[in-house]
Amino acid sequence: MKLKASARLVVNSENPELPGTFSHGCVMLLDGVSRTKSLNKAAKELDMAYSKAWRLVKEAEGQLGYQLLLRDGARGSSLTPEGARAVEAYRILQDEIDELLRRRTPELFG
């Protein structure tokens, strides 16, 4: 039988008192904002309430220590340069984790 392993990256500050994380759900939300230029539209695409989307972004910003989105009421939202770098860094690390699991799972469980 062929086995597959998976893991989702979660990035947290070292401060255990801060709520939230920077993880897959936030990255998907930020991808939606990049595409739609709207946090509300991105949240709707994910069947997520706007209030939850707002909370995820604010908590991720708290964890990372910088702003992820620029919000301009009538013009919508866009990723900050730091936000774009965070999404890219997340993808790189997640890809490396996935590759490690693809390579090592058959070795260890085969």
C-alpha atoms as a PDB file:
ATOM      1  CA  MET A   1       0.000   0.000   0.000  1.00  0.00           C
ATOM      2  CA  LYS A   2       1.317   3.450  -0.925  1.00  0.00           C
ATOM      3  CA  LEU A   3       1.241   6.005   1.914  1.00  0.00           C
ATOM      4  CA  LYS A   4       1.149   9.757   1.781  1.00  0.00           C
ATOM      5  CA  ALA A   5       2.005  12.147   4.628  1.00  0.00           C
ATOM      6  CA  SER A   6       1.032  15.799   4.889  1.00  0.00           C
ATOM      7  CA  ALA A   7       1.725  18.697   7.215  1.00  0.00           C
ATOM      8  CA  ARG A   8       0.557  22.307   7.298  1.00  0.00           C
ATOM      9  CA  LEU A   9       2.997  25.031   8.265  1.00  0.00           C
ATOM     10  CA  VAL A  10       2.004  27.355  11.111  1.00  0.00           C
ATOM     11  CA  VAL A  11       4.110  30.426  11.904  1.00  0.00           C
ATOM     12  CA  ASN A  12       3.874  31.953  15.386  1.00  0.00           C
ATOM     13  CA  SER A  13       5.690  34.553  17.391  1.00  0.00           C
ATOM     14  CA  GLU A  14       7.596  33.303  20.416  1.00  0.00           C
ATOM     15  CA  ASN A  15       5.079  35.167  22.596  1.00  0.00           C
ATOM     16  CA  PRO A  16       2.525  32.545  23.717  1.00  0.00           C
ATOM     17  CA  GLU A  17       0.111  35.289  24.808  1.00  0.00           C
ATOM     18  CA  LEU A  18      -0.561  36.516  21.261  1.00  0.00           C
ATOM     19  CA  PRO A  19      -3.691  35.065  19.637  1.00  0.00           C
ATOM     20  CA  GLY A  20      -3.802  33.517  16.185  1.00  0.00           C
ATOM     21  CA  THR A  21      -1.210  32.272  13.713  1.00  0.00           C
ATOM     22  CA  PHE A  22       0.042  32.875  10.202  1.00  0.00           C
ATOM     23  CA  SER A  23      -1.003  29.717   8.400  1.00  0.00           C
ATOM     24  CA  HIS A  24      -2.618  28.185   5.342  1.00  0.00           C
ATOM     25  CA  GLY A  25      -6.016  29.828   5.874  1.00  0.00           C
ATOM     26  CA  CYS A  26      -4.525  33.305   6.094  1.00  0.00           C
ATOM     27  CA  VAL A  27      -2.383  32.678   3.005  1.00  0.00           C
ATOM     28  CA  MET A  28      -5.482  31.587   1.056  1.00  0.00           C
ATOM     29  CA  LEU A  29      -7.263  34.724   2.237  1.00  0.00           C
ATOM     30  CA  LEU A  30      -4.335  36.958   1.200  1.00  0.00           C
ATOM     31  CA  ASP A  31      -4.231  35.236  -2.205  1.00  0.00           C
ATOM     32  CA  GLY A  32      -7.901  36.138  -2.593  1.00  0.00           C
ATOM     33  CA  VAL A  33      -7.221  39.757  -1.659  1.00  0.00           C
ATOM     34  CA  SER A  34      -4.435  39.901  -4.270  1.00  0.00           C
ATOM     35  CA  ARG A  35      -6.841  38.613  -6.892  1.00  0.00           C
ATOM     36  CA  THR A  36     -10.033  40.518  -5.947  1.00  0.00           C
ATOM     37  CA  LYS A  37      -8.561  43.630  -4.278  1.00  0.00           C
ATOM     38  CA  SER A  38     -11.121  43.108  -1.514  1.00  0.00           C
ATOM     39  CA  LEU A  39     -10.950  41.381   1.867  1.00  0.00           C
ATOM     40  CA  ASN A  40     -14.728  41.000   1.803  1.00  0.00           C
ATOM     41  CA  LYS A  41     -14.715  39.315  -1.630  1.00  0.00           C
ATOM     42  CA  ALA A  42     -11.798  37.088  -0.639  1.00  0.00           C
ATOM     43  CA  ALA A  43     -13.658  36.041   2.509  1.00  0.00           C
ATOM     44  CA  LYS A  44     -16.808  35.262   0.504  1.00  0.00           C
ATOM     45  CA  GLU A  45     -14.795  33.083  -1.901  1.00  0.00           C
ATOM     46  CA  LEU A  46     -13.742  31.023   1.119  1.00  0.00           C
ATOM     47  CA  ASP A  47     -17.265  30.959   2.617  1.00  0.00           C
ATOM     48  CA  MET A  48     -15.889  32.950   5.543  1.00  0.00           C
ATOM     49  CA  ALA A  49     -17.523  35.796   7.402  1.00  0.00           C
ATOM     50  CA  TYR A  50     -15.837  39.162   6.875  1.00  0.00           C
ATOM     51  CA  SER A  51     -15.426  39.509  10.645  1.00  0.00           C
ATOM     52  CA  LYS A  52     -13.510  36.224  10.793  1.00  0.00           C
ATOM     53  CA  ALA A  53     -11.336  37.240   7.833  1.00  0.00           C
ATOM     54  CA  TRP A  54     -10.559  40.564   9.498  1.00  0.00           C
ATOM     55  CA  ARG A  55      -9.670  38.761  12.743  1.00  0.00           C
ATOM     56  CA  LEU A  56      -7.393  36.260  10.935  1.00  0.00           C
ATOM     57  CA  VAL A  57      -5.487  39.066   9.235  1.00  0.00           C
ATOM     58  CA  LYS A  58      -5.184  41.178  12.403  1.00  0.00           C
ATOM     59  CA  GLU A  59      -3.995  38.179  14.452  1.00  0.00           C
ATOM     60  CA  ALA A  60      -1.478  37.173  11.759  1.00  0.00           C
ATOM     61  CA  GLU A  61      -0.198  40.759  11.676  1.00  0.00           C
ATOM     62  CA  GLY A  62       0.233  40.582  15.454  1.00  0.00           C
ATOM     63  CA  GLN A  63       2.121  37.300  15.196  1.00  0.00           C
ATOM     64  CA  LEU A  64       4.430  38.528  12.428  1.00  0.00           C
ATOM     65  CA  GLY A  65       4.883  42.041  13.771  1.00  0.00           C
ATOM     66  CA  TYR A  66       4.001  43.889  10.576  1.00  0.00           C
ATOM     67  CA  GLN A  67       1.057  44.907   8.452  1.00  0.00           C
ATOM     68  CA  LEU A  68      -0.055  42.448   5.762  1.00  0.00           C
ATOM     69  CA  LEU A  69      -2.771  44.490   4.057  1.00  0.00           C
ATOM     70  CA  LEU A  70      -3.257  48.066   2.998  1.00  0.00           C
ATOM     71  CA  ARG A  71      -6.921  48.946   3.356  1.00  0.00           C
ATOM     72  CA  ASP A  72      -8.396  51.872   1.446  1.00  0.00           C
ATOM     73  CA  GLY A  73     -12.155  51.796   1.971  1.00  0.00           C
ATOM     74  CA  ALA A  74     -13.542  52.637  -1.484  1.00  0.00           C
ATOM     75  CA  ARG A  75     -10.489  51.314  -3.346  1.00  0.00           C
ATOM     76  CA  GLY A  76     -10.371  48.010  -1.516  1.00  0.00           C
ATOM     77  CA  SER A  77      -7.323  46.222  -0.149  1.00  0.00           C
ATOM     78  CA  SER A  78      -3.906  45.147  -1.363  1.00  0.00           C
ATOM     79  CA  LEU A  79      -0.955  43.301   0.107  1.00  0.00           C
ATOM     80  CA  THR A  80       1.848  45.328   1.602  1.00  0.00           C
ATOM     81  CA  PRO A  81       5.353  44.452   0.355  1.00  0.00           C
ATOM     82  CA  GLU A  82       5.854  42.643   3.688  1.00  0.00           C
ATOM     83  CA  GLY A  83       2.575  40.796   3.191  1.00  0.00           C
ATOM     84  CA  ALA A  84       3.626  39.632  -0.270  1.00  0.00           C
ATOM     85  CA  ARG A  85       7.000  38.486   1.128  1.00  0.00           C
ATOM     86  CA  ALA A  86       5.259  36.610   3.969  1.00  0.00           C
ATOM     87  CA  VAL A  87       3.028  34.761   1.506  1.00  0.00           C
ATOM     88  CA  GLU A  88       6.034  33.866  -0.658  1.00  0.00           C
ATOM     89  CA  ALA A  89       8.086  32.745   2.366  1.00  0.00           C
ATOM     90  CA  TYR A  90       5.173  30.604   3.555  1.00  0.00           C
ATOM     91  CA  ARG A  91       4.894  28.953   0.126  1.00  0.00           C
ATOM     92  CA  ILE A  92       8.630  28.252  -0.038  1.00  0.00           C
ATOM     93  CA  LEU A  93       8.671  26.637   3.396  1.00  0.00           C
ATOM     94  CA  GLN A  94       5.480  24.657   2.723  1.00  0.00           C
ATOM     95  CA  ASP A  95       6.914  23.399  -0.590  1.00  0.00           C
ATOM     96  CA  GLU A  96      10.103  22.311   1.187  1.00  0.00           C
ATOM     97  CA  ILE A  97       8.064  20.506   3.867  1.00  0.00           C
ATOM     98  CA  ASP A  98       5.955  18.787   1.203  1.00  0.00           C
ATOM     99  CA  GLU A  99       9.075  17.676  -0.684  1.00  0.00           C
ATOM    100  CA  LEU A 100      10.647  16.296   2.491  1.00  0.00           C
ATOM    101  CA  LEU A 101       7.475  14.322   3.242  1.00  0.00           C
ATOM    102  CA  ARG A 102       7.251  12.985  -0.346  1.00  0.00           C
ATOM    103  CA  ARG A 103      10.848  11.811  -0.152  1.00  0.00           C
ATOM    104  CA  ARG A 104      10.999  10.479   3.399  1.00  0.00           C
ATOM    105  CA  THR A 105       7.578   8.869   3.868  1.00  0.00           C
ATOM    106  CA  PRO A 106       8.328   5.866   1.621  1.00  0.00           C
ATOM    107  CA  GLU A 107      11.767   5.494   3.225  1.00  0.00           C
ATOM    108  CA  LEU A 108      10.403   5.494   6.754  1.00  0.00           C
ATOM    109  CA  PHE A 109       7.093   3.688   6.250  1.00  0.00           C
ATOM    110  CA  GLY A 110       7.803   1.596   3.151  1.00  0.00           C
END
